[in-house]
Amino acid sequence: MEKFTAVFEKSDDWWIAFVEELPGANTQGETLDEARENLKEAIQLTIAANREIARRQSAGKKIVREKMRRRGLWR
Protein backbone atom coordinates (compact mmCIF):
# COMPACT_ATOMS: atom_id res chain seq x y z
CA MET A 1 0.00 0.00 0.00
CA GLU A 2 1.22 3.47 -0.81
CA LYS A 3 2.33 5.56 2.15
CA PHE A 4 1.28 9.18 2.40
CA THR A 5 2.85 12.10 4.23
CA ALA A 6 0.56 13.69 6.80
CA VAL A 7 1.37 17.27 7.77
CA PHE A 8 0.05 18.77 11.01
CA GLU A 9 0.30 22.44 11.89
CA LYS A 10 -0.78 24.09 15.13
CA SER A 11 -2.83 27.21 14.40
CA ASP A 12 -4.14 29.01 17.46
CA ASP A 13 -6.40 26.48 19.22
CA TRP A 14 -6.64 24.08 16.27
CA TRP A 15 -4.48 21.52 14.49
CA ILE A 16 -4.65 21.81 10.71
CA ALA A 17 -3.88 18.60 8.80
CA PHE A 18 -3.37 17.66 5.17
CA VAL A 19 -1.76 15.01 2.98
CA GLU A 20 1.04 16.28 0.73
CA GLU A 21 0.43 13.73 -2.01
CA LEU A 22 -3.37 13.91 -2.08
CA PRO A 23 -4.88 17.31 -2.87
CA GLY A 24 -8.25 17.69 -1.19
CA ALA A 25 -7.40 15.51 1.81
CA ASN A 26 -7.35 18.11 4.55
CA THR A 27 -9.06 18.67 7.87
CA GLN A 28 -8.62 20.07 11.35
CA GLY A 29 -9.06 19.06 14.97
CA GLU A 30 -8.93 20.56 18.43
CA THR A 31 -6.25 18.03 19.39
CA LEU A 32 -3.51 16.35 17.40
CA ASP A 33 -5.20 12.97 17.91
CA GLU A 34 -8.51 14.35 16.65
CA ALA A 35 -6.80 15.82 13.58
CA ARG A 36 -5.16 12.43 12.90
CA GLU A 37 -8.48 10.61 13.06
CA ASN A 38 -10.20 13.25 10.94
CA LEU A 39 -7.42 13.00 8.35
CA LYS A 40 -7.93 9.24 7.99
CA GLU A 41 -11.56 9.92 7.11
CA ALA A 42 -10.60 12.78 4.78
CA ILE A 43 -8.25 10.43 2.87
CA GLN A 44 -11.00 7.84 2.42
CA LEU A 45 -13.53 10.45 1.30
CA THR A 46 -11.09 12.09 -1.12
CA ILE A 47 -10.18 8.79 -2.77
CA ALA A 48 -13.86 7.80 -3.03
CA ALA A 49 -14.75 11.17 -4.58
CA ASN A 50 -11.85 10.96 -7.06
CA ARG A 51 -12.96 7.46 -8.10
CA GLU A 52 -16.50 8.68 -8.69
CA ILE A 53 -15.30 11.66 -10.74
CA ALA A 54 -13.09 9.39 -12.86
CA ARG A 55 -15.94 6.93 -13.46
CA ARG A 56 -18.28 9.71 -14.56
CA GLN A 57 -15.67 11.21 -16.87
CA SER A 58 -14.98 7.85 -18.49
CA ALA A 59 -18.62 6.79 -18.87
CA GLY A 60 -19.28 5.51 -22.37
CA LYS A 61 -15.59 5.29 -23.24
CA LYS A 62 -13.70 2.07 -23.90
CA ILE A 63 -11.29 1.85 -20.98
CA VAL A 64 -9.44 -0.76 -18.92
CA ARG A 65 -9.24 -0.54 -15.13
CA GLU A 66 -6.62 -2.58 -13.28
CA LYS A 67 -5.71 -2.83 -9.61
CA MET A 68 -2.22 -1.55 -8.89
CA ARG A 69 0.14 -1.74 -5.99
CA ARG A 70 3.06 0.43 -5.16
CA ARG A 71 5.56 -1.16 -7.55
CA GLY A 72 3.31 -2.09 -10.42
CA LEU A 73 0.25 -4.00 -11.49
CA TRP A 74 -1.21 -6.77 -9.36
CA ARG A 75 -0.72 -9.27 -12.13
C-alpha atoms as a PDB file:
ATOM      1  CA  MET A   1       0.000   0.000   0.000  1.00  0.00           C
ATOM      2  CA  GLU A   2       1.220   3.468  -0.810  1.00  0.00           C
ATOM      3  CA  LYS A   3       2.326   5.558   2.146  1.00  0.00           C
ATOM      4  CA  PHE A   4       1.275   9.177   2.396  1.00  0.00           C
ATOM      5  CA  THR A   5       2.851  12.101   4.230  1.00  0.00           C
ATOM      6  CA  ALA A   6       0.556  13.688   6.802  1.00  0.00           C
ATOM      7  CA  VAL A   7       1.367  17.269   7.765  1.00  0.00           C
ATOM      8  CA  PHE A   8       0.054  18.766  11.010  1.00  0.00           C
ATOM      9  CA  GLU A   9       0.299  22.442  11.892  1.00  0.00           C
ATOM     10  CA  LYS A  10      -0.777  24.090  15.128  1.00  0.00           C
ATOM     11  CA  SER A  11      -2.833  27.211  14.400  1.00  0.00           C
ATOM     12  CA  ASP A  12      -4.135  29.008  17.458  1.00  0.00           C
ATOM     13  CA  ASP A  13      -6.399  26.482  19.218  1.00  0.00           C
ATOM     14  CA  TRP A  14      -6.640  24.080  16.266  1.00  0.00           C
ATOM     15  CA  TRP A  15      -4.480  21.520  14.493  1.00  0.00           C
ATOM     16  CA  ILE A  16      -4.645  21.810  10.712  1.00  0.00           C
ATOM     17  CA  ALA A  17      -3.881  18.602   8.796  1.00  0.00           C
ATOM     18  CA  PHE A  18      -3.375  17.655   5.172  1.00  0.00           C
ATOM     19  CA  VAL A  19      -1.757  15.012   2.981  1.00  0.00           C
ATOM     20  CA  GLU A  20       1.040  16.283   0.735  1.00  0.00           C
ATOM     21  CA  GLU A  21       0.431  13.726  -2.012  1.00  0.00           C
ATOM     22  CA  LEU A  22      -3.370  13.906  -2.083  1.00  0.00           C
ATOM     23  CA  PRO A  23      -4.878  17.311  -2.869  1.00  0.00           C
ATOM     24  CA  GLY A  24      -8.249  17.686  -1.190  1.00  0.00           C
ATOM     25  CA  ALA A  25      -7.404  15.507   1.807  1.00  0.00           C
ATOM     26  CA  ASN A  26      -7.349  18.108   4.548  1.00  0.00           C
ATOM     27  CA  THR A  27      -9.059  18.666   7.873  1.00  0.00           C
ATOM     28  CA  GLN A  28      -8.620  20.074  11.353  1.00  0.00           C
ATOM     29  CA  GLY A  29      -9.062  19.059  14.971  1.00  0.00           C
ATOM     30  CA  GLU A  30      -8.933  20.560  18.430  1.00  0.00           C
ATOM     31  CA  THR A  31      -6.250  18.031  19.395  1.00  0.00           C
ATOM     32  CA  LEU A  32      -3.508  16.347  17.401  1.00  0.00           C
ATOM     33  CA  ASP A  33      -5.202  12.974  17.908  1.00  0.00           C
ATOM     34  CA  GLU A  34      -8.514  14.349  16.652  1.00  0.00           C
ATOM     35  CA  ALA A  35      -6.796  15.822  13.582  1.00  0.00           C
ATOM     36  CA  ARG A  36      -5.157  12.434  12.896  1.00  0.00           C
ATOM     37  CA  GLU A  37      -8.483  10.615  13.061  1.00  0.00           C
ATOM     38  CA  ASN A  38     -10.200  13.251  10.936  1.00  0.00           C
ATOM     39  CA  LEU A  39      -7.421  13.000   8.352  1.00  0.00           C
ATOM     40  CA  LYS A  40      -7.927   9.236   7.988  1.00  0.00           C
ATOM     41  CA  GLU A  41     -11.563   9.918   7.111  1.00  0.00           C
ATOM     42  CA  ALA A  42     -10.599  12.778   4.776  1.00  0.00           C
ATOM     43  CA  ILE A  43      -8.254  10.432   2.865  1.00  0.00           C
ATOM     44  CA  GLN A  44     -10.999   7.838   2.425  1.00  0.00           C
ATOM     45  CA  LEU A  45     -13.529  10.452   1.300  1.00  0.00           C
ATOM     46  CA  THR A  46     -11.095  12.094  -1.120  1.00  0.00           C
ATOM     47  CA  ILE A  47     -10.185   8.788  -2.765  1.00  0.00           C
ATOM     48  CA  ALA A  48     -13.862   7.801  -3.032  1.00  0.00           C
ATOM     49  CA  ALA A  49     -14.749  11.171  -4.579  1.00  0.00           C
ATOM     50  CA  ASN A  50     -11.852  10.957  -7.058  1.00  0.00           C
ATOM     51  CA  ARG A  51     -12.962   7.459  -8.098  1.00  0.00           C
ATOM     52  CA  GLU A  52     -16.503   8.678  -8.691  1.00  0.00           C
ATOM     53  CA  ILE A  53     -15.305  11.659 -10.740  1.00  0.00           C
ATOM     54  CA  ALA A  54     -13.091   9.388 -12.858  1.00  0.00           C
ATOM     55  CA  ARG A  55     -15.940   6.930 -13.460  1.00  0.00           C
ATOM     56  CA  ARG A  56     -18.280   9.708 -14.558  1.00  0.00           C
ATOM     57  CA  GLN A  57     -15.671  11.214 -16.865  1.00  0.00           C
ATOM     58  CA  SER A  58     -14.978   7.845 -18.490  1.00  0.00           C
ATOM     59  CA  ALA A  59     -18.618   6.786 -18.866  1.00  0.00           C
ATOM     60  CA  GLY A  60     -19.284   5.513 -22.370  1.00  0.00           C
ATOM     61  CA  LYS A  61     -15.589   5.286 -23.244  1.00  0.00           C
ATOM     62  CA  LYS A  62     -13.703   2.075 -23.904  1.00  0.00           C
ATOM     63  CA  ILE A  63     -11.286   1.848 -20.981  1.00  0.00           C
ATOM     64  CA  VAL A  64      -9.437  -0.758 -18.920  1.00  0.00           C
ATOM     65  CA  ARG A  65      -9.243  -0.543 -15.130  1.00  0.00           C
ATOM     66  CA  GLU A  66      -6.619  -2.580 -13.275  1.00  0.00           C
ATOM     67  CA  LYS A  67      -5.711  -2.826  -9.606  1.00  0.00           C
ATOM     68  CA  MET A  68      -2.225  -1.548  -8.888  1.00  0.00           C
ATOM     69  CA  ARG A  69       0.139  -1.739  -5.992  1.00  0.00           C
ATOM     70  CA  ARG A  70       3.062   0.427  -5.157  1.00  0.00           C
ATOM     71  CA  ARG A  71       5.562  -1.158  -7.554  1.00  0.00           C
ATOM     72  CA  GLY A  72       3.308  -2.086 -10.424  1.00  0.00           C
ATOM     73  CA  LEU A  73       0.252  -4.000 -11.493  1.00  0.00           C
ATOM     74  CA  TRP A  74      -1.214  -6.774  -9.355  1.00  0.00           C
ATOM     75  CA  ARG A  75      -0.723  -9.274 -12.128  1.00  0.00           C
END
